[in-house]
Amino acid sequence: MFHPGERKVQSMLSVTKSANLVGRTILPFMKESFQFFIESQPMVVIGSTDPQGYLWSSLVCGNLGFIRIINERIIRIHIKKQENEMLFTNINSNNNVGMIVIDFSSRIRIRINGVANILDDETIEVKTEQVYGNCPKFIQARKIKINKFDDNKTIQTLHRKNLNNNQEIWIEQADTFFISSSNSLGKTDVSHRGGQAGFVSILNETTLLYPDYVGNMMFNTLGNIVENTKTGLLFIDFQKGHTLQLTGDSEIIWDLTDEEKLIYKGAKRLIKYVISGVIEKQNANMYSWDFLNYSPFNPK
């Protein structure tokens, strides 16, 4: 159920018993209620590993029905290779993927970890190995606009080794991001992170710092980081349809100073993130979301 990295963190924080209880919800297949939810969503975040071993989180959107459930273990996703070249390259190199399907308005999220297979230039198929739902904590409510799609818009891609000024401002104003991680065997997971706008700090053009709040006690992400520091972050511009992908290394800061406790209210730990690569995609997303309200769980 849990790999050694997850068990190490659970033991260190004395939550093994709680983790065992919550871990019973992890199944190798999709329950019927999960199948209906997954097929009704217009977006999925997919975590993958590139040929150099770096993790990336990719936002994939489509018209309703672009995600299809073939059976309780197989998901088929319509993805255009020409718009997601890196994701296809990564799957060819390492077919372990993690996925999160999330509805911001209802604050429902389902995590799916498994093995991907490229069927053609517009379709990937994922066989599930772990499927489970998460609580609604730290998800900001947003209402999707489904009428934004414009065939004439082209995706513009910017590659960098560090953040520029506009990207730093983007991150400093963010209230949501996604993180991909994997264990020593390459088994991959994607998790959601949220807080009040400004909960992620910019230390410099290659370094971020953000708080780790109380979660589900399974410590999937931290357990992966203990075994493999490589992680991939995804920030979404919910208004303009742009995405910002970061790849790099995560370091867990277990003990906070008194000053850090005041700055990062509610933080149990801090994560220092050192960036190795940046990809900004403009017009990458056919949808936009209107902000409704912050999660009541956000520390203030």
Protein backbone atom coordinates (compact mmCIF):
# COMPACT_ATOMS: atom_id res chain seq x y z
CA MET A 1 0.00 0.00 0.00
CA PHE A 2 2.75 2.48 1.00
CA HIS A 3 6.35 2.48 -0.18
CA PRO A 4 9.36 2.85 2.20
CA GLY A 5 9.63 6.62 1.75
CA GLU A 6 6.01 7.16 2.75
CA ARG A 7 6.41 4.78 5.70
CA LYS A 8 9.52 6.64 6.84
CA VAL A 9 7.71 9.99 6.96
CA GLN A 10 4.62 8.48 8.60
CA SER A 11 6.78 6.90 11.29
CA MET A 12 8.84 10.06 11.81
CA LEU A 13 5.64 12.07 12.39
CA SER A 14 3.92 9.33 14.44
CA VAL A 15 0.91 9.00 12.12
CA THR A 16 1.33 5.40 10.94
CA LYS A 17 -1.96 4.28 12.49
CA SER A 18 -3.88 7.16 10.92
CA ALA A 19 -2.19 6.53 7.58
CA ASN A 20 -3.22 2.88 7.67
CA LEU A 21 -6.85 3.87 8.16
CA VAL A 22 -6.87 6.46 5.39
CA GLY A 23 -4.83 4.16 3.17
CA ARG A 24 -7.73 1.73 2.99
CA THR A 25 -9.33 4.11 0.50
CA ILE A 26 -6.52 3.46 -2.03
CA LEU A 27 -7.78 0.98 -4.62
CA PRO A 28 -6.25 -0.39 -7.83
CA PHE A 29 -9.48 0.36 -9.74
CA MET A 30 -11.99 3.19 -10.20
CA LYS A 31 -15.25 2.92 -8.30
CA GLU A 32 -18.38 3.61 -10.33
CA SER A 33 -18.89 7.01 -8.69
CA PHE A 34 -15.29 7.92 -9.55
CA GLN A 35 -15.79 6.83 -13.17
CA PHE A 36 -18.74 9.17 -13.60
CA PHE A 37 -16.87 12.09 -12.04
CA ILE A 38 -13.70 11.55 -14.09
CA GLU A 39 -15.56 11.36 -17.41
CA SER A 40 -17.47 14.57 -16.64
CA GLN A 41 -14.35 16.72 -16.16
CA PRO A 42 -12.75 19.01 -18.78
CA MET A 43 -9.20 18.92 -17.39
CA VAL A 44 -6.58 16.63 -15.93
CA VAL A 45 -3.06 17.30 -14.63
CA ILE A 46 -0.58 14.58 -15.63
CA GLY A 47 2.79 14.03 -13.99
CA SER A 48 5.58 12.46 -16.05
CA THR A 49 9.34 11.94 -16.00
CA ASP A 50 11.62 13.18 -18.76
CA PRO A 51 14.59 11.18 -20.17
CA GLN A 52 16.96 13.00 -17.76
CA GLY A 53 14.87 11.96 -14.75
CA TYR A 54 13.20 15.32 -14.11
CA LEU A 55 9.51 15.51 -13.23
CA TRP A 56 6.98 17.67 -15.07
CA SER A 57 3.32 18.48 -14.42
CA SER A 58 1.24 19.02 -17.56
CA LEU A 59 -2.25 20.52 -17.84
CA VAL A 60 -4.40 18.75 -20.42
CA CYS A 61 -7.84 20.10 -21.32
CA GLY A 62 -10.52 19.08 -23.79
CA ASN A 63 -14.17 19.09 -24.64
CA LEU A 64 -16.36 17.10 -22.29
CA GLY A 65 -15.82 13.43 -23.05
CA PHE A 66 -12.13 13.77 -23.90
CA ILE A 67 -11.52 11.47 -20.90
CA ARG A 68 -13.17 8.09 -21.37
CA ILE A 69 -13.42 5.19 -18.96
CA ILE A 70 -12.94 1.93 -20.87
CA ASN A 71 -13.35 -0.24 -17.79
CA GLU A 72 -12.62 0.03 -14.06
CA ARG A 73 -8.85 -0.16 -14.70
CA ILE A 74 -8.43 1.65 -18.04
CA ILE A 75 -8.68 5.37 -18.82
CA ARG A 76 -8.34 6.70 -22.36
CA ILE A 77 -7.48 10.38 -22.86
CA HIS A 78 -7.63 12.37 -26.08
CA ILE A 79 -4.37 14.36 -26.17
CA LYS A 80 -2.86 15.98 -29.26
CA LYS A 81 0.83 15.11 -29.55
CA GLN A 82 1.58 18.33 -31.45
CA GLU A 83 0.42 20.34 -28.41
CA ASN A 84 1.95 18.03 -25.79
CA GLU A 85 5.19 16.85 -27.39
CA MET A 86 7.08 16.73 -24.09
CA LEU A 87 4.44 14.58 -22.40
CA PHE A 88 4.57 12.02 -25.23
CA THR A 89 8.39 12.03 -25.13
CA ASN A 90 8.36 11.49 -21.38
CA ILE A 91 5.91 8.59 -21.56
CA ASN A 92 8.06 6.93 -24.20
CA SER A 93 11.01 7.22 -21.78
CA ASN A 94 9.17 6.29 -18.57
CA ASN A 95 5.57 5.11 -18.78
CA ASN A 96 4.78 5.67 -15.09
CA VAL A 97 2.37 8.61 -14.70
CA GLY A 98 0.36 10.28 -11.99
CA MET A 99 -2.87 12.14 -12.62
CA ILE A 100 -5.24 14.35 -10.69
CA VAL A 101 -8.75 15.13 -11.87
CA ILE A 102 -10.19 18.11 -10.01
CA ASP A 103 -13.42 20.11 -10.01
CA PHE A 104 -12.67 23.46 -8.41
CA SER A 105 -16.33 24.42 -7.98
CA SER A 106 -17.23 21.37 -5.90
CA ARG A 107 -13.72 20.97 -4.43
CA ILE A 108 -13.67 17.29 -5.44
CA ARG A 109 -10.39 15.69 -6.55
CA ILE A 110 -9.43 12.16 -7.57
CA ARG A 111 -5.81 10.99 -7.79
CA ILE A 112 -4.85 8.24 -10.21
CA ASN A 113 -1.42 6.63 -10.47
CA GLY A 114 -0.62 4.08 -13.13
CA VAL A 115 1.13 3.07 -16.34
CA ALA A 116 0.56 4.90 -19.63
CA ASN A 117 0.54 3.57 -23.17
CA ILE A 118 0.53 5.77 -26.30
CA LEU A 119 -2.07 4.45 -28.72
CA ASP A 120 -1.59 7.08 -31.44
CA ASP A 121 -0.70 10.76 -31.89
CA GLU A 122 -3.96 11.80 -30.25
CA THR A 123 -4.59 9.16 -27.60
CA ILE A 124 -2.96 7.80 -24.48
CA GLU A 125 -4.30 5.03 -22.30
CA VAL A 126 -3.58 4.62 -18.59
CA LYS A 127 -3.90 1.41 -16.59
CA THR A 128 -4.60 2.30 -12.99
CA GLU A 129 -2.53 1.04 -10.06
CA GLN A 130 -3.71 3.42 -7.32
CA VAL A 131 -6.97 5.40 -7.26
CA TYR A 132 -8.24 7.48 -4.36
CA GLY A 133 -10.12 10.62 -3.48
CA ASN A 134 -8.81 13.48 -1.34
CA CYS A 135 -10.53 15.84 1.06
CA PRO A 136 -11.52 19.37 -0.12
CA LYS A 137 -8.87 21.14 2.00
CA PHE A 138 -7.09 24.16 0.50
CA ILE A 139 -8.98 24.08 -2.82
CA GLN A 140 -10.11 27.57 -3.88
CA ALA A 141 -13.59 27.48 -5.42
CA ARG A 142 -13.70 28.55 -9.06
CA LYS A 143 -16.36 28.49 -11.77
CA ILE A 144 -15.29 27.32 -15.18
CA LYS A 145 -16.04 29.18 -18.40
CA ILE A 146 -16.49 26.69 -21.22
CA ASN A 147 -16.83 29.18 -24.09
CA LYS A 148 -13.28 30.41 -24.38
CA PHE A 149 -11.97 28.09 -27.08
CA ASP A 150 -10.61 29.82 -30.18
CA ASP A 151 -9.19 27.76 -33.07
CA ASN A 152 -7.13 30.75 -34.21
CA LYS A 153 -5.11 30.99 -30.99
CA THR A 154 -1.67 29.45 -31.14
CA ILE A 155 0.31 28.13 -28.20
CA GLN A 156 3.43 30.20 -27.60
CA THR A 157 6.17 28.48 -25.60
CA LEU A 158 9.01 30.08 -23.66
CA HIS A 159 11.86 27.94 -22.28
CA ARG A 160 14.13 29.25 -19.53
CA LYS A 161 16.52 28.02 -16.83
CA ASN A 162 15.20 30.49 -14.26
CA LEU A 163 12.25 32.79 -13.59
CA ASN A 164 11.80 36.16 -15.24
CA ASN A 165 10.13 39.10 -13.46
CA ASN A 166 6.64 38.40 -14.82
CA GLN A 167 6.85 34.75 -13.80
CA GLU A 168 7.95 35.71 -10.29
CA ILE A 169 4.94 38.02 -9.95
CA TRP A 170 2.69 35.22 -11.27
CA ILE A 171 3.92 32.81 -8.59
CA GLU A 172 3.78 35.38 -5.80
CA GLN A 173 0.11 36.03 -6.59
CA ALA A 174 -0.83 32.34 -6.93
CA ASP A 175 -3.19 30.54 -4.57
CA THR A 176 -2.92 27.13 -6.24
CA PHE A 177 -0.34 24.87 -7.83
CA PHE A 178 0.18 21.18 -8.58
CA ILE A 179 3.23 19.06 -7.78
CA SER A 180 4.40 15.83 -9.44
CA SER A 181 6.73 13.51 -7.57
CA SER A 182 7.90 9.92 -7.81
CA ASN A 183 9.55 7.34 -5.62
CA SER A 184 12.85 5.54 -6.22
CA LEU A 185 11.12 3.10 -8.61
CA GLY A 186 9.69 5.91 -10.73
CA LYS A 187 6.09 5.41 -9.58
CA THR A 188 4.54 8.84 -10.07
CA ASP A 189 1.94 10.92 -8.24
CA VAL A 190 0.35 14.36 -8.68
CA SER A 191 -0.92 16.40 -5.76
CA HIS A 192 -2.70 19.75 -5.35
CA ARG A 193 -1.39 22.54 -3.14
CA GLY A 194 -3.33 25.63 -2.15
CA GLY A 195 -3.40 28.57 0.25
CA GLN A 196 -4.07 32.28 0.40
CA ALA A 197 -2.62 34.25 -2.52
CA GLY A 198 1.05 34.78 -1.74
CA PHE A 199 1.57 31.52 0.14
CA VAL A 200 4.52 30.72 -2.16
CA SER A 201 7.60 32.90 -1.60
CA ILE A 202 10.26 33.80 -4.17
CA LEU A 203 13.73 33.67 -2.62
CA ASN A 204 15.50 34.35 -5.92
CA GLU A 205 15.13 33.61 -9.63
CA THR A 206 15.77 29.88 -9.08
CA THR A 207 14.41 29.24 -5.58
CA LEU A 208 10.92 29.06 -4.07
CA LEU A 209 9.75 28.41 -0.51
CA TYR A 210 6.25 27.30 0.42
CA PRO A 211 4.45 25.88 3.47
CA ASP A 212 3.28 22.30 3.91
CA TYR A 213 -0.05 22.22 5.74
CA VAL A 214 -1.93 19.40 7.50
CA GLY A 215 -2.99 16.86 4.88
CA ASN A 216 -4.43 13.36 4.66
CA MET A 217 -1.69 11.78 6.82
CA MET A 218 -0.52 9.50 4.01
CA PHE A 219 2.37 11.79 3.01
CA ASN A 220 2.53 10.57 -0.57
CA THR A 221 4.39 13.62 -1.86
CA LEU A 222 6.80 13.98 1.07
CA GLY A 223 7.42 10.23 1.01
CA ASN A 224 8.38 10.50 -2.64
CA ILE A 225 10.66 13.47 -1.98
CA VAL A 226 12.49 11.47 0.73
CA GLU A 227 13.36 8.91 -1.97
CA ASN A 228 13.65 11.22 -4.99
CA THR A 229 14.05 15.00 -4.72
CA LYS A 230 13.09 15.57 -8.37
CA THR A 231 9.65 17.23 -8.59
CA GLY A 232 7.62 19.21 -11.12
CA LEU A 233 5.35 22.18 -10.33
CA LEU A 234 2.49 23.59 -12.39
CA PHE A 235 0.97 27.05 -11.99
CA ILE A 236 -2.14 28.01 -13.98
CA ASP A 237 -3.21 31.50 -15.02
CA PHE A 238 -6.92 30.89 -14.48
CA GLN A 239 -7.96 34.05 -16.31
CA LYS A 240 -5.72 34.08 -19.38
CA GLY A 241 -5.26 30.36 -20.05
CA HIS A 242 -1.47 30.34 -19.65
CA THR A 243 0.54 27.68 -17.79
CA LEU A 244 3.90 27.78 -16.01
CA GLN A 245 5.75 24.49 -15.58
CA LEU A 246 8.78 24.21 -13.34
CA THR A 247 11.10 21.27 -12.87
CA GLY A 248 13.71 20.97 -10.15
CA ASP A 249 14.47 19.57 -6.71
CA SER A 250 12.50 19.76 -3.46
CA GLU A 251 14.06 19.90 0.00
CA ILE A 252 11.93 19.35 3.11
CA ILE A 253 12.63 21.72 6.01
CA TRP A 254 11.28 19.78 8.97
CA ASP A 255 11.89 22.26 11.80
CA LEU A 256 10.68 25.85 11.55
CA THR A 257 12.23 28.81 13.32
CA ASP A 258 9.99 31.10 15.39
CA GLU A 259 10.20 33.69 12.62
CA GLU A 260 9.15 31.15 9.97
CA LYS A 261 6.18 30.10 12.11
CA LEU A 262 5.00 33.72 12.14
CA ILE A 263 5.52 34.20 8.41
CA TYR A 264 4.05 30.86 7.31
CA LYS A 265 1.01 30.55 9.58
CA GLY A 266 -0.31 27.00 9.83
CA ALA A 267 2.80 25.46 8.27
CA LYS A 268 3.92 22.13 9.69
CA ARG A 269 6.99 22.10 7.46
CA LEU A 270 8.48 24.15 4.62
CA ILE A 271 9.52 23.00 1.17
CA LYS A 272 12.45 24.68 -0.54
CA TYR A 273 12.29 24.31 -4.29
CA VAL A 274 15.32 24.82 -6.55
CA ILE A 275 14.43 25.30 -10.21
CA SER A 276 16.30 23.57 -13.05
CA GLY A 277 13.96 24.42 -15.91
CA VAL A 278 10.96 26.61 -16.76
CA ILE A 279 8.37 26.30 -19.53
CA GLU A 280 5.75 29.00 -19.95
CA LYS A 281 2.94 28.28 -22.39
CA GLN A 282 0.63 31.06 -23.49
CA ASN A 283 -2.86 30.13 -24.71
CA ALA A 284 -2.26 26.59 -23.48
CA ASN A 285 -5.70 26.21 -21.95
CA MET A 286 -9.07 26.36 -23.72
CA TYR A 287 -10.87 27.27 -20.48
CA SER A 288 -10.80 30.01 -17.89
CA TRP A 289 -12.07 30.04 -14.32
CA ASP A 290 -13.68 32.81 -12.28
CA PHE A 291 -12.58 32.96 -8.65
CA LEU A 292 -15.44 32.37 -6.19
CA ASN A 293 -13.91 32.08 -2.72
CA TYR A 294 -10.96 30.80 -0.76
CA SER A 295 -10.98 27.46 1.02
CA PRO A 296 -12.14 27.85 4.63
CA PHE A 297 -9.18 25.65 5.61
CA ASN A 298 -6.57 28.16 4.39
CA PRO A 299 -4.44 29.52 7.25
CA LYS A 300 -4.73 33.31 7.41
